[in-house]
Amino acid sequence: MSENEQQNVSRETAGAPIEARRIGSAGTPPEDVSRETSVPLKKGKGSSFFIYLAVLFGAAFLMLLLAYFVQQRNSDAALDNLRMTSNASKEELLEELQALEAEREELEAQIRELELDLKQEQSLSQDFQALYDGARTSAAHLEYTLLQRTQAMELLWQLEQAYAQRDYDACQAFIHWLEMPEANPRKDFLPTEEDRKQYDYGLDGSTPAERYQEIVEKLS
């Protein structure tokens, strides 16, 4: 081959790829071939992604469902415990109420007994007060009687001395004192026959009251 022919062949071989590239970039057959080869790959990737999402959602749903059942079981157990505790608390409250009721009845019975004892003590206290007042009155009356009797006996003794000495003026003075006071004269406190029987003087003869009456009659 000549030098010119070799140059033409090299130009043809060198231009062939350029034409092929032009055809691939501008023409449709190469693009169609690439599309046919790429579409199945995209469909496979999308289906596997959706399957992966479905598996994730399914696992999440199963976990949520499992958590729900666990929570429900715990709630039922807690409710059962609350019911048992409530029943026990009710029984304890009933027992406490019964105990308090029995204690209240016992206290009421004790209060009734104390009220009865108080009434009896008040009655006894009133009786004792009446006896005490009567005893004080009797003691005061006895003290007054003894004092008046002592004075009357002293005046009677002086009257008898004056009468024995024939001092009639002194006798009148002693009689005057024995006749005083008019409402309750001292001569009335001189011992009589009744006093002798009551107190058992053990003396014979006239009583002080009788001796006083004899002297008065003699002087009159």
N, C-alpha and C. Protein backbone atom coordinates (compact mmCIF):
# COMPACT_ATOMS: atom_id res chain seq x y z
N MET A 1 0.86 -1.19 0.00
CA MET A 1 0.00 0.00 0.00
C MET A 1 0.88 1.21 0.00
N SER A 2 0.35 2.26 -0.62
CA SER A 2 1.11 3.49 -0.68
C SER A 2 0.88 4.29 0.59
N GLU A 3 1.58 5.24 0.69
CA GLU A 3 1.47 6.09 1.91
C GLU A 3 0.13 6.76 1.96
N ASN A 4 -0.44 7.15 0.85
CA ASN A 4 -1.76 7.80 0.79
C ASN A 4 -2.85 6.85 1.17
N GLU A 5 -2.78 5.60 0.76
CA GLU A 5 -3.81 4.61 1.09
C GLU A 5 -3.78 4.30 2.58
N GLN A 6 -2.59 4.18 3.15
CA GLN A 6 -2.50 3.92 4.61
C GLN A 6 -3.10 5.05 5.40
N GLN A 7 -2.93 6.25 4.95
CA GLN A 7 -3.53 7.40 5.64
C GLN A 7 -5.05 7.36 5.57
N ASN A 8 -5.61 6.96 4.45
CA ASN A 8 -7.08 6.90 4.30
C ASN A 8 -7.66 5.83 5.22
N VAL A 9 -6.95 4.63 5.29
CA VAL A 9 -7.46 3.54 6.14
C VAL A 9 -7.45 3.95 7.60
N SER A 10 -6.37 4.62 7.99
CA SER A 10 -6.30 5.07 9.39
C SER A 10 -7.36 6.10 9.70
N ARG A 11 -7.66 6.91 8.74
CA ARG A 11 -8.75 7.90 8.96
C ARG A 11 -10.09 7.21 9.12
N GLU A 12 -10.34 6.15 8.31
CA GLU A 12 -11.63 5.45 8.40
C GLU A 12 -11.76 4.76 9.74
N THR A 13 -10.64 4.13 10.19
CA THR A 13 -10.71 3.41 11.46
C THR A 13 -10.80 4.37 12.64
N ALA A 14 -10.19 5.45 12.48
CA ALA A 14 -10.28 6.45 13.55
C ALA A 14 -11.60 7.14 13.58
N GLY A 15 -12.25 7.27 12.51
CA GLY A 15 -13.56 7.93 12.48
C GLY A 15 -14.69 7.05 12.86
N ALA A 16 -14.48 5.73 12.80
CA ALA A 16 -15.57 4.82 13.15
C ALA A 16 -16.03 4.98 14.57
N PRO A 17 -15.20 5.04 15.52
CA PRO A 17 -15.69 5.24 16.91
C PRO A 17 -16.40 6.55 17.08
N ILE A 18 -15.92 7.55 16.37
CA ILE A 18 -16.58 8.86 16.49
C ILE A 18 -17.99 8.77 16.01
N GLU A 19 -18.20 8.07 14.90
CA GLU A 19 -19.55 7.92 14.38
C GLU A 19 -20.39 7.10 15.32
N ALA A 20 -19.77 6.05 15.85
CA ALA A 20 -20.53 5.23 16.82
C ALA A 20 -20.97 6.06 18.01
N ARG A 21 -20.07 6.92 18.50
CA ARG A 21 -20.44 7.77 19.63
C ARG A 21 -21.53 8.74 19.25
N ARG A 22 -21.45 9.26 18.04
CA ARG A 22 -22.51 10.16 17.60
C ARG A 22 -23.84 9.45 17.53
N ILE A 23 -23.79 8.26 17.03
CA ILE A 23 -25.05 7.50 16.95
C ILE A 23 -25.58 7.21 18.32
N GLY A 24 -24.68 6.88 19.27
CA GLY A 24 -25.15 6.57 20.63
C GLY A 24 -25.67 7.78 21.35
N SER A 25 -25.12 8.94 21.02
CA SER A 25 -25.57 10.14 21.73
C SER A 25 -26.79 10.75 21.12
N ALA A 26 -26.92 10.63 19.78
CA ALA A 26 -28.06 11.26 19.13
C ALA A 26 -29.12 10.30 18.74
N GLY A 27 -28.80 9.09 18.45
CA GLY A 27 -29.78 8.11 17.99
C GLY A 27 -30.50 7.44 19.11
N THR A 28 -31.49 6.71 18.77
CA THR A 28 -32.33 6.05 19.76
C THR A 28 -31.95 4.65 20.09
N PRO A 29 -31.38 3.89 19.15
CA PRO A 29 -31.16 2.49 19.52
C PRO A 29 -30.31 2.31 20.73
N PRO A 30 -29.21 2.99 20.90
CA PRO A 30 -28.43 2.75 22.12
C PRO A 30 -29.17 3.15 23.38
N GLU A 31 -29.95 4.25 23.32
CA GLU A 31 -30.70 4.69 24.52
C GLU A 31 -31.75 3.69 24.88
N ASP A 32 -32.40 3.10 23.91
CA ASP A 32 -33.40 2.10 24.19
C ASP A 32 -32.81 0.88 24.85
N VAL A 33 -31.63 0.52 24.36
CA VAL A 33 -30.98 -0.65 24.94
C VAL A 33 -30.63 -0.41 26.39
N SER A 34 -30.13 0.83 26.70
CA SER A 34 -29.81 1.15 28.10
C SER A 34 -31.04 1.19 28.96
N ARG A 35 -32.12 1.68 28.41
CA ARG A 35 -33.37 1.70 29.21
C ARG A 35 -33.86 0.30 29.49
N GLU A 36 -33.76 -0.56 28.49
CA GLU A 36 -34.23 -1.93 28.70
C GLU A 36 -33.41 -2.63 29.75
N THR A 37 -32.14 -2.31 29.81
CA THR A 37 -31.30 -2.98 30.80
C THR A 37 -31.42 -2.37 32.18
N SER A 38 -31.79 -1.06 32.31
CA SER A 38 -31.86 -0.40 33.62
C SER A 38 -33.19 -0.56 34.31
N VAL A 39 -34.29 -0.70 33.63
CA VAL A 39 -35.62 -0.79 34.25
C VAL A 39 -35.77 -1.99 35.14
N PRO A 40 -35.40 -3.15 34.78
CA PRO A 40 -35.53 -4.28 35.69
C PRO A 40 -34.74 -4.10 36.96
N LEU A 41 -33.60 -3.44 36.87
CA LEU A 41 -32.82 -3.20 38.09
C LEU A 41 -33.55 -2.28 39.02
N LYS A 42 -34.19 -1.21 38.55
CA LYS A 42 -34.93 -0.28 39.41
C LYS A 42 -36.14 -0.94 40.03
N LYS A 43 -36.85 -1.76 39.29
CA LYS A 43 -38.01 -2.46 39.84
C LYS A 43 -37.59 -3.40 40.96
N GLY A 44 -36.50 -4.08 40.85
CA GLY A 44 -36.03 -4.98 41.91
C GLY A 44 -35.65 -4.24 43.16
N LYS A 45 -34.98 -3.11 43.01
CA LYS A 45 -34.62 -2.32 44.19
C LYS A 45 -35.86 -1.78 44.89
N GLY A 46 -36.86 -1.31 44.15
CA GLY A 46 -38.08 -0.77 44.79
C GLY A 46 -38.87 -1.82 45.53
N SER A 47 -39.00 -3.02 44.96
CA SER A 47 -39.76 -4.07 45.64
C SER A 47 -39.05 -4.51 46.92
N SER A 48 -37.73 -4.61 46.89
CA SER A 48 -37.02 -4.99 48.12
C SER A 48 -37.12 -3.90 49.19
N PHE A 49 -37.18 -2.65 48.78
CA PHE A 49 -37.33 -1.55 49.76
C PHE A 49 -38.70 -1.58 50.42
N PHE A 50 -39.74 -1.84 49.59
CA PHE A 50 -41.09 -1.93 50.16
C PHE A 50 -41.23 -3.13 51.08
N ILE A 51 -40.58 -4.22 50.71
CA ILE A 51 -40.60 -5.40 51.58
C ILE A 51 -39.91 -5.10 52.90
N TYR A 52 -38.80 -4.38 52.83
CA TYR A 52 -38.07 -4.00 54.04
C TYR A 52 -38.92 -3.11 54.93
N LEU A 53 -39.61 -2.13 54.29
CA LEU A 53 -40.51 -1.27 55.07
C LEU A 53 -41.64 -2.08 55.71
N ALA A 54 -42.20 -3.03 54.92
CA ALA A 54 -43.29 -3.85 55.45
C ALA A 54 -42.82 -4.66 56.65
N VAL A 55 -41.60 -5.21 56.53
CA VAL A 55 -41.06 -5.99 57.65
C VAL A 55 -40.86 -5.11 58.87
N LEU A 56 -40.35 -3.86 58.65
CA LEU A 56 -40.17 -2.94 59.78
C LEU A 56 -41.50 -2.59 60.43
N PHE A 57 -42.50 -2.25 59.59
CA PHE A 57 -43.82 -1.92 60.16
C PHE A 57 -44.43 -3.11 60.87
N GLY A 58 -44.24 -4.30 60.31
CA GLY A 58 -44.77 -5.49 60.96
C GLY A 58 -44.10 -5.75 62.30
N ALA A 59 -42.77 -5.59 62.33
CA ALA A 59 -42.06 -5.78 63.60
C ALA A 59 -42.48 -4.74 64.63
N ALA A 60 -42.63 -3.48 64.15
CA ALA A 60 -43.07 -2.44 65.08
C ALA A 60 -44.47 -2.72 65.60
N PHE A 61 -45.35 -3.18 64.69
CA PHE A 61 -46.71 -3.50 65.12
C PHE A 61 -46.72 -4.64 66.13
N LEU A 62 -45.90 -5.68 65.85
CA LEU A 62 -45.82 -6.80 66.78
C LEU A 62 -45.27 -6.35 68.14
N MET A 63 -44.28 -5.46 68.12
CA MET A 63 -43.75 -4.96 69.39
C MET A 63 -44.80 -4.15 70.14
N LEU A 64 -45.53 -3.29 69.39
CA LEU A 64 -46.60 -2.53 70.04
C LEU A 64 -47.68 -3.45 70.60
N LEU A 65 -48.05 -4.48 69.81
CA LEU A 65 -49.07 -5.42 70.28
C LEU A 65 -48.58 -6.17 71.52
N LEU A 66 -47.30 -6.59 71.49
CA LEU A 66 -46.74 -7.27 72.65
C LEU A 66 -46.70 -6.35 73.88
N ALA A 67 -46.32 -5.09 73.66
CA ALA A 67 -46.30 -4.13 74.77
C ALA A 67 -47.70 -3.89 75.31
N TYR A 68 -48.71 -3.88 74.41
CA TYR A 68 -50.09 -3.70 74.84
C TYR A 68 -50.54 -4.85 75.73
N PHE A 69 -50.22 -6.09 75.27
CA PHE A 69 -50.63 -7.25 76.07
C PHE A 69 -49.91 -7.28 77.43
N VAL A 70 -48.64 -6.91 77.42
CA VAL A 70 -47.89 -6.85 78.68
C VAL A 70 -48.49 -5.80 79.61
N GLN A 71 -48.79 -4.63 79.04
CA GLN A 71 -49.40 -3.57 79.83
C GLN A 71 -50.77 -3.98 80.35
N GLN A 72 -51.52 -4.66 79.49
CA GLN A 72 -52.84 -5.13 79.91
C GLN A 72 -52.73 -6.15 81.04
N ARG A 73 -51.75 -7.03 80.92
CA ARG A 73 -51.54 -8.03 81.97
C ARG A 73 -51.14 -7.36 83.28
N ASN A 74 -50.23 -6.38 83.18
CA ASN A 74 -49.82 -5.66 84.39
C ASN A 74 -51.00 -4.91 85.00
N SER A 75 -51.82 -4.32 84.14
CA SER A 75 -53.00 -3.60 84.64
C SER A 75 -53.96 -4.54 85.33
N ASP A 76 -54.18 -5.73 84.73
CA ASP A 76 -55.07 -6.71 85.38
C ASP A 76 -54.51 -7.16 86.71
N ALA A 77 -53.18 -7.39 86.75
CA ALA A 77 -52.57 -7.80 88.02
C ALA A 77 -52.69 -6.70 89.07
N ALA A 78 -52.49 -5.45 88.63
CA ALA A 78 -52.61 -4.33 89.57
C ALA A 78 -54.04 -4.20 90.07
N LEU A 79 -55.02 -4.39 89.15
CA LEU A 79 -56.43 -4.32 89.56
C LEU A 79 -56.77 -5.43 90.54
N ASP A 80 -56.23 -6.62 90.26
CA ASP A 80 -56.47 -7.73 91.20
C ASP A 80 -55.89 -7.43 92.58
N ASN A 81 -54.68 -6.87 92.59
CA ASN A 81 -54.06 -6.50 93.87
C ASN A 81 -54.88 -5.43 94.59
N LEU A 82 -55.37 -4.46 93.81
CA LEU A 82 -56.19 -3.42 94.41
C LEU A 82 -57.48 -3.99 94.98
N ARG A 83 -58.08 -4.94 94.21
CA ARG A 83 -59.32 -5.55 94.72
C ARG A 83 -59.04 -6.32 96.01
N MET A 84 -57.94 -7.11 96.01
CA MET A 84 -57.60 -7.86 97.21
C MET A 84 -57.31 -6.92 98.38
N THR A 85 -56.57 -5.85 98.09
CA THR A 85 -56.26 -4.88 99.15
C THR A 85 -57.52 -4.19 99.64
N SER A 86 -58.41 -3.88 98.69
CA SER A 86 -59.66 -3.22 99.07
C SER A 86 -60.51 -4.13 99.92
N ASN A 87 -60.59 -5.41 99.53
CA ASN A 87 -61.38 -6.36 100.33
C ASN A 87 -60.78 -6.52 101.72
N ALA A 88 -59.43 -6.63 101.77
CA ALA A 88 -58.78 -6.75 103.09
C ALA A 88 -59.01 -5.50 103.92
N SER A 89 -58.93 -4.35 103.26
CA SER A 89 -59.15 -3.10 103.99
C SER A 89 -60.58 -3.02 104.51
N LYS A 90 -61.54 -3.46 103.70
CA LYS A 90 -62.94 -3.45 104.15
C LYS A 90 -63.12 -4.36 105.35
N GLU A 91 -62.51 -5.55 105.30
CA GLU A 91 -62.63 -6.47 106.44
C GLU A 91 -61.98 -5.88 107.68
N GLU A 92 -60.81 -5.27 107.50
CA GLU A 92 -60.16 -4.64 108.65
C GLU A 92 -61.00 -3.50 109.21
N LEU A 93 -61.58 -2.69 108.30
CA LEU A 93 -62.43 -1.60 108.76
C LEU A 93 -63.66 -2.13 109.50
N LEU A 94 -64.25 -3.21 108.98
CA LEU A 94 -65.41 -3.79 109.65
C LEU A 94 -65.02 -4.30 111.04
N GLU A 95 -63.85 -4.96 111.12
CA GLU A 95 -63.40 -5.45 112.43
C GLU A 95 -63.15 -4.29 113.38
N GLU A 96 -62.52 -3.22 112.88
CA GLU A 96 -62.28 -2.05 113.73
C GLU A 96 -63.59 -1.41 114.17
N LEU A 97 -64.55 -1.33 113.24
CA LEU A 97 -65.85 -0.75 113.60
C LEU A 97 -66.55 -1.61 114.65
N GLN A 98 -66.48 -2.92 114.49
CA GLN A 98 -67.10 -3.80 115.49
C GLN A 98 -66.42 -3.65 116.84
N ALA A 99 -65.09 -3.55 116.83
CA ALA A 99 -64.36 -3.36 118.09
C ALA A 99 -64.72 -2.03 118.73
N LEU A 100 -64.82 -0.98 117.91
CA LEU A 100 -65.19 0.33 118.44
C LEU A 100 -66.62 0.32 118.97
N GLU A 101 -67.51 -0.39 118.29
CA GLU A 101 -68.89 -0.48 118.75
C GLU A 101 -68.96 -1.19 120.10
N ALA A 102 -68.21 -2.30 120.22
CA ALA A 102 -68.18 -3.02 121.50
C ALA A 102 -67.59 -2.14 122.60
N GLU A 103 -66.54 -1.40 122.28
CA GLU A 103 -65.93 -0.50 123.27
C GLU A 103 -66.90 0.61 123.67
N ARG A 104 -67.65 1.12 122.68
CA ARG A 104 -68.63 2.17 122.98
C ARG A 104 -69.72 1.64 123.91
N GLU A 105 -70.22 0.43 123.63
CA GLU A 105 -71.24 -0.16 124.49
C GLU A 105 -70.70 -0.38 125.90
N GLU A 106 -69.45 -0.84 125.99
CA GLU A 106 -68.85 -1.03 127.32
C GLU A 106 -68.72 0.29 128.06
N LEU A 107 -68.31 1.34 127.35
CA LEU A 107 -68.19 2.65 127.99
C LEU A 107 -69.55 3.17 128.42
N GLU A 108 -70.57 2.97 127.59
CA GLU A 108 -71.91 3.40 127.97
C GLU A 108 -72.39 2.66 129.21
N ALA A 109 -72.09 1.35 129.28
CA ALA A 109 -72.47 0.59 130.48
C ALA A 109 -71.74 1.13 131.71
N GLN A 110 -70.45 1.43 131.56
CA GLN A 110 -69.70 2.00 132.68
C GLN A 110 -70.25 3.36 133.09
N ILE A 111 -70.66 4.16 132.09
CA ILE A 111 -71.23 5.48 132.40
C ILE A 111 -72.53 5.32 133.16
N ARG A 112 -73.36 4.35 132.73
CA ARG A 112 -74.62 4.12 133.46
C ARG A 112 -74.36 3.68 134.89
N GLU A 113 -73.37 2.81 135.07
CA GLU A 113 -73.02 2.38 136.43
C GLU A 113 -72.51 3.56 137.27
N LEU A 114 -71.68 4.39 136.64
CA LEU A 114 -71.17 5.55 137.38
C LEU A 114 -72.29 6.52 137.72
N GLU A 115 -73.24 6.71 136.80
CA GLU A 115 -74.36 7.60 137.09
C GLU A 115 -75.20 7.04 138.23
N LEU A 116 -75.41 5.70 138.23
CA LEU A 116 -76.17 5.08 139.32
C LEU A 116 -75.43 5.24 140.65
N ASP A 117 -74.11 4.99 140.61
CA ASP A 117 -73.31 5.18 141.83
C ASP A 117 -73.35 6.63 142.29
N LEU A 118 -73.30 7.55 141.32
CA LEU A 118 -73.33 8.96 141.69
C LEU A 118 -74.67 9.33 142.33
N LYS A 119 -75.77 8.79 141.78
CA LYS A 119 -77.08 9.06 142.38
C LYS A 119 -77.15 8.50 143.80
N GLN A 120 -76.63 7.27 143.97
CA GLN A 120 -76.63 6.68 145.30
C GLN A 120 -75.77 7.50 146.26
N GLU A 121 -74.60 7.93 145.77
CA GLU A 121 -73.74 8.75 146.62
C GLU A 121 -74.38 10.09 146.95
N GLN A 122 -75.07 10.67 145.96
CA GLN A 122 -75.76 11.92 146.23
C GLN A 122 -76.86 11.72 147.27
N SER A 123 -77.59 10.59 147.14
CA SER A 123 -78.63 10.30 148.13
C SER A 123 -78.01 10.09 149.51
N LEU A 124 -76.92 9.32 149.55
CA LEU A 124 -76.24 9.12 150.84
C LEU A 124 -75.68 10.43 151.37
N SER A 125 -75.16 11.25 150.46
CA SER A 125 -74.62 12.53 150.89
C SER A 125 -75.71 13.42 151.47
N GLN A 126 -76.88 13.39 150.83
CA GLN A 126 -77.99 14.18 151.36
C GLN A 126 -78.43 13.66 152.73
N ASP A 127 -78.50 12.31 152.83
CA ASP A 127 -78.86 11.73 154.13
C ASP A 127 -77.81 12.08 155.18
N PHE A 128 -76.55 11.97 154.79
CA PHE A 128 -75.48 12.31 155.73
C PHE A 128 -75.54 13.78 156.12
N GLN A 129 -75.83 14.65 155.13
CA GLN A 129 -75.93 16.07 155.43
C GLN A 129 -77.07 16.34 156.40
N ALA A 130 -78.18 15.64 156.17
CA ALA A 130 -79.32 15.81 157.08
C ALA A 130 -78.96 15.34 158.49
N LEU A 131 -78.29 14.17 158.56
CA LEU A 131 -77.87 13.67 159.87
C LEU A 131 -76.85 14.61 160.51
N TYR A 132 -75.95 15.12 159.70
CA TYR A 132 -74.94 16.03 160.23
C TYR A 132 -75.57 17.32 160.74
N ASP A 133 -76.50 17.85 159.95
CA ASP A 133 -77.19 19.07 160.40
C ASP A 133 -77.97 18.80 161.68
N GLY A 134 -78.64 17.63 161.71
CA GLY A 134 -79.39 17.30 162.93
C GLY A 134 -78.45 17.13 164.12
N ALA A 135 -77.30 16.48 163.88
CA ALA A 135 -76.36 16.30 164.98
C ALA A 135 -75.80 17.64 165.45
N ARG A 136 -75.50 18.53 164.49
CA ARG A 136 -75.01 19.86 164.89
C ARG A 136 -76.07 20.61 165.69
N THR A 137 -77.30 20.49 165.23
CA THR A 137 -78.38 21.17 165.95
C THR A 137 -78.54 20.59 167.35
N SER A 138 -78.49 19.24 167.41
CA SER A 138 -78.63 18.60 168.71
C SER A 138 -77.46 18.95 169.62
N ALA A 139 -76.25 18.98 169.03
CA ALA A 139 -75.07 19.32 169.82
C ALA A 139 -75.14 20.75 170.33
N ALA A 140 -75.60 21.64 169.44
CA ALA A 140 -75.73 23.05 169.85
C ALA A 140 -76.79 23.19 170.95
N HIS A 141 -77.92 22.47 170.77
CA HIS A 141 -78.97 22.52 171.78
C HIS A 141 -78.49 21.92 173.11
N LEU A 142 -77.73 20.81 173.00
CA LEU A 142 -77.23 20.19 174.22
C LEU A 142 -76.21 21.09 174.91
N GLU A 143 -75.37 21.73 174.11
CA GLU A 143 -74.40 22.65 174.70
C GLU A 143 -75.10 23.81 175.40
N TYR A 144 -76.12 24.35 174.72
CA TYR A 144 -76.88 25.44 175.32
C TYR A 144 -77.58 24.96 176.60
N THR A 145 -78.15 23.76 176.55
CA THR A 145 -78.85 23.23 177.73
C THR A 145 -77.89 23.02 178.91
N LEU A 146 -76.72 22.46 178.62
CA LEU A 146 -75.75 22.24 179.69
C LEU A 146 -75.27 23.56 180.30
N LEU A 147 -75.06 24.56 179.42
CA LEU A 147 -74.64 25.86 179.94
C LEU A 147 -75.72 26.47 180.84
N GLN A 148 -76.97 26.43 180.36
CA GLN A 148 -78.06 26.99 181.17
C GLN A 148 -78.28 26.18 182.46
N ARG A 149 -78.11 24.87 182.38
CA ARG A 149 -78.29 24.05 183.58
C ARG A 149 -77.18 24.31 184.58
N THR A 150 -75.98 24.49 184.08
CA THR A 150 -74.86 24.80 184.98
C THR A 150 -75.11 26.12 185.71
N GLN A 151 -75.56 27.14 184.96
CA GLN A 151 -75.85 28.42 185.58
C GLN A 151 -77.01 28.30 186.57
N ALA A 152 -78.04 27.52 186.18
CA ALA A 152 -79.20 27.36 187.07
C ALA A 152 -78.81 26.64 188.36
N MET A 153 -77.97 25.61 188.28
CA MET A 153 -77.52 24.88 189.46
C MET A 153 -76.65 25.76 190.36
N GLU A 154 -75.80 26.63 189.73
CA GLU A 154 -74.99 27.56 190.51
C GLU A 154 -75.86 28.55 191.27
N LEU A 155 -76.88 29.10 190.58
CA LEU A 155 -77.81 30.04 191.24
C LEU A 155 -78.61 29.34 192.33
N LEU A 156 -79.02 28.07 192.10
CA LEU A 156 -79.76 27.33 193.12
C LEU A 156 -78.89 27.09 194.36
N TRP A 157 -77.64 26.77 194.15
CA TRP A 157 -76.76 26.55 195.29
C TRP A 157 -76.58 27.83 196.11
N GLN A 158 -76.41 28.97 195.42
CA GLN A 158 -76.29 30.25 196.12
C GLN A 158 -77.61 30.61 196.82
N LEU A 159 -78.75 30.26 196.17
CA LEU A 159 -80.04 30.52 196.79
C LEU A 159 -80.20 29.71 198.09
N GLU A 160 -79.78 28.47 198.05
CA GLU A 160 -79.87 27.64 199.24
C GLU A 160 -78.94 28.16 200.36
N GLN A 161 -77.78 28.66 200.02
CA GLN A 161 -76.87 29.23 201.00
C GLN A 161 -77.48 30.50 201.63
N ALA A 162 -78.04 31.34 200.77
CA ALA A 162 -78.65 32.58 201.29
C ALA A 162 -79.87 32.26 202.16
N TYR A 163 -80.65 31.27 201.75
CA TYR A 163 -81.82 30.90 202.55
C TYR A 163 -81.40 30.31 203.90
N ALA A 164 -80.32 29.51 203.89
CA ALA A 164 -79.83 28.96 205.16
C ALA A 164 -79.32 30.06 206.07
N GLN A 165 -78.77 31.13 205.53
CA GLN A 165 -78.26 32.27 206.30
C GLN A 165 -79.36 33.32 206.54
N ARG A 166 -80.56 33.07 206.11
CA ARG A 166 -81.71 33.95 206.25
C ARG A 166 -81.46 35.33 205.62
N ASP A 167 -80.70 35.30 204.54
CA ASP A 167 -80.47 36.53 203.78
C ASP A 167 -81.52 36.56 202.68
N TYR A 168 -82.68 37.09 203.05
CA TYR A 168 -83.82 37.04 202.14
C TYR A 168 -83.68 37.98 200.93
N ASP A 169 -82.97 39.07 201.14
CA ASP A 169 -82.74 39.96 199.99
C ASP A 169 -81.90 39.25 198.92
N ALA A 170 -80.85 38.56 199.36
CA ALA A 170 -80.04 37.80 198.40
C ALA A 170 -80.86 36.69 197.76
N CYS A 171 -81.76 36.10 198.60
CA CYS A 171 -82.63 35.05 198.04
C CYS A 171 -83.49 35.59 196.91
N GLN A 172 -84.08 36.80 197.10
CA GLN A 172 -84.90 37.40 196.05
C GLN A 172 -84.08 37.70 194.79
N ALA A 173 -82.85 38.09 194.99
CA ALA A 173 -81.99 38.37 193.83
C ALA A 173 -81.69 37.09 193.05
N PHE A 174 -81.39 36.01 193.77
CA PHE A 174 -81.11 34.75 193.08
C PHE A 174 -82.37 34.20 192.39
N ILE A 175 -83.53 34.37 193.06
CA ILE A 175 -84.78 33.93 192.43
C ILE A 175 -85.03 34.74 191.14
N HIS A 176 -84.74 36.05 191.21
CA HIS A 176 -84.91 36.89 190.02
C HIS A 176 -84.05 36.38 188.86
N TRP A 177 -82.81 36.03 189.16
CA TRP A 177 -81.92 35.53 188.11
C TRP A 177 -82.38 34.16 187.59
N LEU A 178 -82.96 33.35 188.44
CA LEU A 178 -83.46 32.05 187.99
C LEU A 178 -84.74 32.17 187.15
N GLU A 179 -85.48 33.25 187.36
CA GLU A 179 -86.70 33.46 186.59
C GLU A 179 -86.43 34.15 185.25
N MET A 180 -85.21 34.55 185.00
CA MET A 180 -84.83 35.24 183.76
C MET A 180 -84.11 34.25 182.83
N PRO A 181 -84.24 34.51 181.52
CA PRO A 181 -85.17 35.45 180.86
C PRO A 181 -86.58 34.90 180.85
N GLU A 182 -87.53 35.75 180.58
CA GLU A 182 -88.93 35.35 180.70
C GLU A 182 -89.30 34.31 179.64
N ALA A 183 -88.73 34.42 178.43
CA ALA A 183 -89.09 33.48 177.36
C ALA A 183 -88.59 32.06 177.67
N ASN A 184 -87.43 31.98 178.31
CA ASN A 184 -86.85 30.66 178.59
C ASN A 184 -86.07 30.77 179.89
N PRO A 185 -86.74 30.81 181.05
CA PRO A 185 -86.07 31.06 182.33
C PRO A 185 -85.11 29.92 182.69
N ARG A 186 -84.10 30.29 183.50
CA ARG A 186 -83.08 29.32 183.86
C ARG A 186 -83.61 28.22 184.78
N LYS A 187 -84.67 28.53 185.56
CA LYS A 187 -85.22 27.52 186.48
C LYS A 187 -85.73 26.29 185.73
N ASP A 188 -86.11 26.50 184.44
CA ASP A 188 -86.61 25.38 183.66
C ASP A 188 -85.51 24.39 183.30
N PHE A 189 -84.24 24.79 183.50
CA PHE A 189 -83.12 23.90 183.20
C PHE A 189 -82.66 23.12 184.42
N LEU A 190 -83.30 23.34 185.57
CA LEU A 190 -82.97 22.54 186.75
C LEU A 190 -83.43 21.11 186.55
N PRO A 191 -82.60 20.12 186.94
CA PRO A 191 -82.98 18.72 186.74
C PRO A 191 -84.26 18.36 187.47
N THR A 192 -85.10 17.58 186.77
CA THR A 192 -86.38 17.15 187.34
C THR A 192 -86.36 15.65 187.56
N GLU A 193 -87.53 15.11 187.93
CA GLU A 193 -87.62 13.67 188.14
C GLU A 193 -87.40 12.91 186.83
N GLU A 194 -87.84 13.49 185.72
CA GLU A 194 -87.62 12.86 184.41
C GLU A 194 -86.13 12.80 184.08
N ASP A 195 -85.41 13.86 184.42
CA ASP A 195 -83.97 13.86 184.17
C ASP A 195 -83.29 12.79 185.02
N ARG A 196 -83.76 12.63 186.27
CA ARG A 196 -83.17 11.60 187.12
C ARG A 196 -83.38 10.22 186.51
N LYS A 197 -84.55 9.94 185.96
CA LYS A 197 -84.80 8.65 185.34
C LYS A 197 -83.97 8.48 184.05
N GLN A 198 -83.84 9.57 183.33
CA GLN A 198 -83.13 9.49 182.06
C GLN A 198 -81.64 9.32 182.26
N TYR A 199 -81.07 10.11 183.15
CA TYR A 199 -79.62 10.10 183.34
C TYR A 199 -79.17 9.26 184.53
N ASP A 200 -80.16 8.76 185.33
CA ASP A 200 -79.85 7.88 186.46
C ASP A 200 -78.85 8.53 187.40
N TYR A 201 -79.29 9.62 188.01
CA TYR A 201 -78.42 10.35 188.91
C TYR A 201 -77.98 9.49 190.10
N GLY A 202 -78.87 8.59 190.51
CA GLY A 202 -78.53 7.76 191.67
C GLY A 202 -78.63 8.52 192.99
N LEU A 203 -79.39 9.60 193.05
CA LEU A 203 -79.54 10.41 194.27
C LEU A 203 -80.97 10.27 194.80
N ASP A 204 -81.07 10.21 196.10
CA ASP A 204 -82.40 10.15 196.73
C ASP A 204 -82.81 11.55 197.16
N GLY A 205 -84.03 11.71 197.52
CA GLY A 205 -84.51 12.99 197.99
C GLY A 205 -85.06 13.83 196.85
N SER A 206 -85.22 15.12 197.15
CA SER A 206 -85.82 16.05 196.19
C SER A 206 -84.85 16.34 195.05
N THR A 207 -85.42 16.60 193.89
CA THR A 207 -84.61 17.01 192.75
C THR A 207 -84.31 18.49 192.87
N PRO A 208 -83.36 19.05 192.13
CA PRO A 208 -83.07 20.47 192.17
C PRO A 208 -84.29 21.32 191.86
N ALA A 209 -85.09 20.89 190.93
CA ALA A 209 -86.29 21.66 190.58
C ALA A 209 -87.26 21.67 191.77
N GLU A 210 -87.39 20.55 192.47
CA GLU A 210 -88.28 20.47 193.62
C GLU A 210 -87.74 21.32 194.77
N ARG A 211 -86.45 21.34 195.03
CA ARG A 211 -85.87 22.14 196.10
C ARG A 211 -86.09 23.63 195.83
N TYR A 212 -85.92 24.02 194.56
CA TYR A 212 -86.14 25.42 194.21
C TYR A 212 -87.59 25.80 194.46
N GLN A 213 -88.51 24.93 194.09
CA GLN A 213 -89.93 25.26 194.29
C GLN A 213 -90.27 25.33 195.79
N GLU A 214 -89.66 24.50 196.63
CA GLU A 214 -89.90 24.54 198.05
C GLU A 214 -89.44 25.89 198.66
N ILE A 215 -88.25 26.35 198.25
CA ILE A 215 -87.71 27.60 198.78
C ILE A 215 -88.60 28.77 198.36
N VAL A 216 -89.03 28.76 197.10
CA VAL A 216 -89.89 29.85 196.62
C VAL A 216 -91.19 29.88 197.41
N GLU A 217 -91.76 28.71 197.68
CA GLU A 217 -93.01 28.67 198.43
C GLU A 217 -92.80 29.16 199.88
N LYS A 218 -91.67 28.79 200.48
CA LYS A 218 -91.41 29.23 201.85
C LYS A 218 -91.20 30.76 201.91
N LEU A 219 -90.52 31.32 200.92
CA LEU A 219 -90.26 32.76 200.93
C LEU A 219 -91.52 33.56 200.59
N SER A 220 -92.41 32.95 199.86
CA SER A 220 -93.64 33.68 199.53
C SER A 220 -94.61 33.71 200.70
